Protein backbone atom coordinates (compact mmCIF):
# COMPACT_ATOMS: atom_id res chain seq x y z
CA UNK A 1 -135.19 -5.94 26.09
CA UNK A 2 -135.96 -3.49 28.11
CA UNK A 3 -134.56 -2.90 31.45
CA UNK A 4 -135.41 -0.24 34.49
CA UNK A 5 -132.55 1.97 36.33
CA UNK A 6 -133.03 4.36 38.78
CA UNK A 7 -130.18 6.81 39.06
CA UNK A 8 -130.22 10.26 41.43
CA UNK A 9 -127.60 13.05 39.95
CA UNK A 10 -128.73 16.13 42.30
CA UNK A 11 -131.76 18.63 40.55
CA UNK A 12 -133.74 15.65 38.58
CA UNK A 13 -134.78 18.67 36.06
CA UNK A 14 -131.03 18.39 34.42
CA UNK A 15 -130.30 15.17 34.87
CA UNK A 16 -133.69 13.50 33.37
CA UNK A 17 -132.89 15.93 30.65
CA UNK A 18 -129.28 14.74 29.88
CA UNK A 19 -130.75 10.62 30.27
CA UNK A 20 -133.40 11.70 27.33
CA UNK A 21 -130.14 12.44 25.29
CA UNK A 22 -128.41 9.07 25.36
CA UNK A 23 -128.99 6.72 22.19
CA UNK A 24 -130.79 3.52 23.44
CA UNK A 25 -132.86 5.13 26.50
CA UNK A 26 -136.76 4.95 25.15
CA UNK A 27 -138.33 6.21 28.70
CA UNK A 28 -137.62 8.87 31.41
CA UNK A 29 -139.25 10.34 34.28
CA UNK A 30 -138.47 11.87 37.57
CA UNK A 31 -139.57 11.21 41.02
CA UNK A 32 -138.46 10.55 44.29
CA UNK A 33 -136.95 7.26 45.68
CA UNK A 34 -136.45 5.38 48.70
CA UNK A 35 -137.56 8.06 51.44
CA UNK A 36 -140.09 7.13 54.11
CA UNK A 37 -143.31 9.31 53.63
CA UNK A 38 -145.54 7.30 51.40
CA UNK A 39 -146.45 9.31 48.07
CA UNK A 40 -144.90 12.67 48.89
CA UNK A 41 -144.97 15.70 46.92
CA UNK A 42 -142.67 17.86 46.04
CA UNK A 43 -142.85 19.93 48.99
CA UNK A 44 -142.58 17.38 51.43
CA UNK A 45 -139.06 16.31 49.91
CA UNK A 46 -137.90 19.74 49.50
CA UNK A 47 -137.61 19.78 53.61
CA UNK A 48 -135.26 16.82 53.68
CA UNK A 49 -137.68 15.48 56.39
CA UNK A 50 -138.82 12.42 54.17
CA UNK A 51 -135.26 10.32 53.37
CA UNK A 52 -136.50 10.59 49.28
CA UNK A 53 -133.68 11.29 46.28
CA UNK A 54 -134.84 13.13 43.36
CA UNK A 55 -133.99 10.88 41.03
CA UNK A 56 -134.73 9.78 37.32
CA UNK A 57 -136.69 6.57 36.59
CA UNK A 58 -134.84 4.92 33.15
CA UNK A 59 -135.74 2.60 31.07
CA UNK A 60 -133.07 1.71 28.38
CA UNK A 61 -132.69 -0.80 25.35
CA UNK A 62 -130.02 -3.54 26.05
CA UNK A 63 -129.69 -3.76 22.85
CA UNK A 64 -128.65 -0.43 21.84
CA UNK A 65 -127.18 0.10 25.19
CA UNK A 66 -125.67 -1.36 27.88
CA UNK A 67 -125.50 -0.67 31.55
CA UNK A 68 -121.97 -0.17 32.33
CA UNK A 69 -121.87 2.53 29.23
CA UNK A 70 -125.19 3.95 30.86
CA UNK A 71 -123.06 4.84 34.43
CA UNK A 72 -120.03 5.91 32.63
CA UNK A 73 -122.11 8.93 31.41
CA UNK A 74 -123.99 8.93 34.74
CA UNK A 75 -120.53 10.13 36.22
CA UNK A 76 -119.55 12.50 33.89
CA UNK A 77 -122.82 14.36 34.63
CA UNK A 78 -121.95 14.17 38.68
CA UNK A 79 -119.18 15.12 41.00
CA UNK A 80 -119.26 11.55 42.97
CA UNK A 81 -117.10 12.97 45.83
CA UNK A 82 -120.12 15.84 46.96
CA UNK A 83 -121.85 14.39 49.07
CA UNK A 84 -125.43 15.66 49.21
CA UNK A 85 -125.00 18.67 47.02
CA UNK A 86 -124.55 18.68 43.46
CA UNK A 87 -123.52 22.17 41.87
CA UNK A 88 -126.01 24.63 43.68
CA UNK A 89 -128.53 22.37 45.17
CA UNK A 90 -127.90 21.05 48.74
CA UNK A 91 -129.92 18.84 50.74
CA UNK A 92 -129.74 15.41 51.38
CA UNK A 93 -132.76 15.32 48.20
CA UNK A 94 -129.63 15.88 46.07
CA UNK A 95 -127.64 13.01 46.98
CA UNK A 96 -126.46 10.71 44.17
CA UNK A 97 -126.68 7.24 44.27
CA UNK A 98 -127.57 3.59 41.82
CA UNK A 99 -130.77 2.01 43.13
CA UNK A 100 -130.99 -1.42 41.05
CA UNK A 101 -133.92 -3.68 40.81
CA UNK A 102 -131.80 -6.87 39.61
CA UNK A 103 -129.40 -8.37 41.87
CA UNK A 104 -127.31 -9.35 39.06
CA UNK A 105 -126.76 -5.81 38.48
CA UNK A 106 -124.56 -5.05 41.33
CA UNK A 107 -121.19 -6.12 40.34
CA UNK A 108 -120.82 -4.44 37.35
CA UNK A 109 -122.65 -1.43 39.39
CA UNK A 110 -120.10 -1.86 42.14
CA UNK A 111 -116.99 -2.45 39.70
CA UNK A 112 -118.44 0.97 38.23
CA UNK A 113 -118.13 3.09 41.17
CA UNK A 114 -114.81 1.46 42.40
CA UNK A 115 -113.63 2.35 38.75
CA UNK A 116 -114.65 6.34 38.98
CA UNK A 117 -112.67 6.04 42.55
CA UNK A 118 -109.47 5.50 40.89
CA UNK A 119 -110.16 9.10 38.92
CA UNK A 120 -110.38 10.70 42.93
CA UNK A 121 -108.13 11.45 46.35
CA UNK A 122 -111.40 12.24 48.09
CA UNK A 123 -113.93 9.04 48.75
CA UNK A 124 -116.89 8.56 45.61
CA UNK A 125 -120.19 8.78 47.97
CA UNK A 126 -122.36 7.79 45.25
CA UNK A 127 -124.92 5.94 47.22
CA UNK A 128 -125.15 2.31 46.32
CA UNK A 129 -128.62 -0.11 47.30
CA UNK A 130 -131.71 -1.61 46.18
CA UNK A 131 -134.62 0.45 45.00
CA UNK A 132 -136.93 0.22 47.83
CA UNK A 133 -139.31 2.46 46.66
CA UNK A 134 -140.38 5.23 43.81
CA UNK A 135 -142.90 7.49 43.62
CA UNK A 136 -143.26 9.57 40.16
CA UNK A 137 -142.98 13.40 40.61
CA UNK A 138 -146.04 15.96 40.17
CA UNK A 139 -146.84 16.14 36.33
CA UNK A 140 -145.03 19.74 35.82
CA UNK A 141 -141.83 18.38 36.91
CA UNK A 142 -141.21 15.95 34.20
CA UNK A 143 -139.63 16.46 30.44
CA UNK A 144 -138.87 20.30 32.60
CA UNK A 145 -136.03 21.00 30.71
CA UNK A 146 -138.34 20.66 27.10
CA UNK A 147 -141.44 22.22 28.74
CA UNK A 148 -139.07 25.32 30.16
CA UNK A 149 -135.71 25.47 27.72
CA UNK A 150 -134.64 28.31 29.68
CA UNK A 151 -135.39 27.28 33.24
CA UNK A 152 -132.69 26.46 36.14
CA UNK A 153 -130.26 23.43 35.28
CA UNK A 154 -127.17 22.78 37.21
CA UNK A 155 -125.27 21.06 34.04
CA UNK A 156 -123.87 22.69 31.65
CA UNK A 157 -125.59 23.06 28.41
CA UNK A 158 -122.22 21.00 26.14
CA UNK A 159 -122.89 18.15 28.46
CA UNK A 160 -126.27 17.79 26.55
CA UNK A 161 -124.70 17.83 23.73
CA UNK A 162 -122.29 15.13 24.73
CA UNK A 163 -124.65 13.08 25.74
CA UNK A 164 -126.48 13.23 21.99
CA UNK A 165 -122.94 12.30 20.53
CA UNK A 166 -121.65 9.49 22.74
CA UNK A 167 -121.77 5.87 21.55
CA UNK A 168 -120.43 2.93 23.41
CA UNK A 169 -117.21 0.69 22.12
CA UNK A 170 -119.29 -2.20 19.92
CA UNK A 171 -118.54 -5.54 22.25
CA UNK A 172 -115.45 -7.57 20.36
CA UNK A 173 -113.71 -4.40 19.22
CA UNK A 174 -110.52 -3.04 20.90
CA UNK A 175 -110.90 -0.06 21.93
CA UNK A 176 -107.89 1.20 20.08
CA UNK A 177 -109.79 1.38 16.46
CA UNK A 178 -107.81 2.99 13.73
CA UNK A 179 -108.55 6.77 14.35
CA UNK A 180 -107.62 6.28 17.55
CA UNK A 181 -104.36 4.69 16.38
CA UNK A 182 -103.12 6.84 13.83
CA UNK A 183 -103.48 9.48 16.14
CA UNK A 184 -101.84 8.06 19.59
CA UNK A 185 -98.95 5.92 19.85
CA UNK A 186 -97.05 4.49 23.29
CA UNK A 187 -99.87 5.86 25.47
CA UNK A 188 -98.49 9.86 23.88
CA UNK A 189 -101.09 12.11 22.21
CA UNK A 190 -100.01 13.55 19.14
CA UNK A 191 -101.83 16.53 18.62
CA UNK A 192 -103.79 17.35 16.18
CA UNK A 193 -101.68 20.57 13.78
CA UNK A 194 -103.70 22.79 11.67
CA UNK A 195 -101.59 25.47 9.35
CA UNK A 196 -98.87 25.42 12.23
CA UNK A 197 -101.61 25.43 15.18
CA UNK A 198 -102.98 23.31 17.40
CA UNK A 199 -106.33 22.61 16.23
CA UNK A 200 -108.55 22.71 19.34
CA UNK A 201 -111.58 21.45 17.37
CA UNK A 202 -110.11 18.39 16.67
CA UNK A 203 -107.73 18.12 19.77
CA UNK A 204 -111.31 18.38 21.70
CA UNK A 205 -113.19 15.57 19.58
CA UNK A 206 -110.59 13.41 19.64
CA UNK A 207 -110.06 13.58 23.68
CA UNK A 208 -113.71 12.93 23.36
CA UNK A 209 -113.13 9.92 21.64
CA UNK A 210 -110.76 9.18 23.94
CA UNK A 211 -112.38 9.43 27.42
CA UNK A 212 -115.98 7.08 25.60
CA UNK A 213 -113.11 4.09 24.70
CA UNK A 214 -112.54 3.73 28.57
CA UNK A 215 -109.06 5.09 29.07
CA UNK A 216 -108.22 6.51 32.20
CA UNK A 217 -104.45 7.95 32.02
CA UNK A 218 -101.68 8.15 29.74
CA UNK A 219 -98.29 10.29 29.69
CA UNK A 220 -97.76 13.76 27.44
CA UNK A 221 -95.03 14.71 25.84
CA UNK A 222 -94.35 18.77 25.33
CA UNK A 223 -91.90 21.77 24.70
CA UNK A 224 -92.11 21.86 20.95
CA UNK A 225 -95.09 24.05 21.47
CA UNK A 226 -94.82 27.74 21.64
CA UNK A 227 -96.29 29.71 24.21
CA UNK A 228 -99.57 31.22 22.14
CA UNK A 229 -100.28 27.14 21.45
CA UNK A 230 -100.08 25.88 24.89
CA UNK A 231 -101.74 28.83 26.04
CA UNK A 232 -104.95 28.07 23.65
CA UNK A 233 -104.72 24.66 23.94
CA UNK A 234 -104.74 24.42 28.10
CA UNK A 235 -107.99 27.17 27.51
CA UNK A 236 -109.68 24.64 25.59
CA UNK A 237 -109.23 21.91 27.33
CA UNK A 238 -109.55 22.77 30.88
CA UNK A 239 -112.63 25.42 30.08
CA UNK A 240 -114.46 21.86 28.66
CA UNK A 241 -113.14 19.10 30.93
CA UNK A 242 -113.42 19.94 34.43
CA UNK A 243 -110.14 18.64 36.67
CA UNK A 244 -112.70 17.86 39.37
CA UNK A 245 -114.67 15.38 36.63
CA UNK A 246 -112.42 13.99 34.41
CA UNK A 247 -109.38 12.79 35.60
CA UNK A 248 -107.64 11.76 32.31
CA UNK A 249 -108.05 15.16 31.33
CA UNK A 250 -106.87 16.52 34.56
CA UNK A 251 -103.51 14.45 34.35
CA UNK A 252 -103.09 15.57 30.55
CA UNK A 253 -103.44 19.02 31.40
CA UNK A 254 -100.91 18.52 34.38
CA UNK A 255 -98.36 17.02 32.18
CA UNK A 256 -98.32 19.72 29.76
CA UNK A 257 -98.86 22.32 31.80
CA UNK A 258 -98.17 22.63 35.46
């Protein structure tokens, strides 16, 4: 079954390109949602007087990807605590929002937002409401980064690679499948080593896997790494996983290095 979802995540050029990478997303278009002016132009929306949010209309195949996973990916591409601002883009048109067309999805959406709130001390300010209206933006905005590979984007390029590679955990499968179980025990991460040093590439891959399995917290043990390894590991993790975005890694780096 093909379903529709409307997500506002800041500048829609980068947001659309991010969602296009996700396996199971079969269609995207950018436009303006939940405003007052009929059939607005980009120039009108840019004035912040129309009430619209730059929004990505997503169609996805439920046989391949679910709403919960798409929302989890959405939260990886935004700062949910930033009001009317994502990256360097500021204004009410850049607010974050989840606009649904099926009221039956509301409990799942509310639950996703509530779980995300647990990651932050500041309030999550993502707007959640029914889709009132949506107008497709001008053609030059559609697939903008495909047409302009070097064009402006507020999202890091690594996030697009992450979206291409991310996969949901299949229903009914224990997230502690063997690849994780052999590397994690009792909530403690056993760092992969290579020739006596921490294998940074493998560590990053494992942390990606851990995040995608839905875990939010785990304890860490340290003290057995030499100073050079600790410094390299900290640089690896904090460069790939901003502290204000991933609490799991934030807790990991706090526990290990502060």
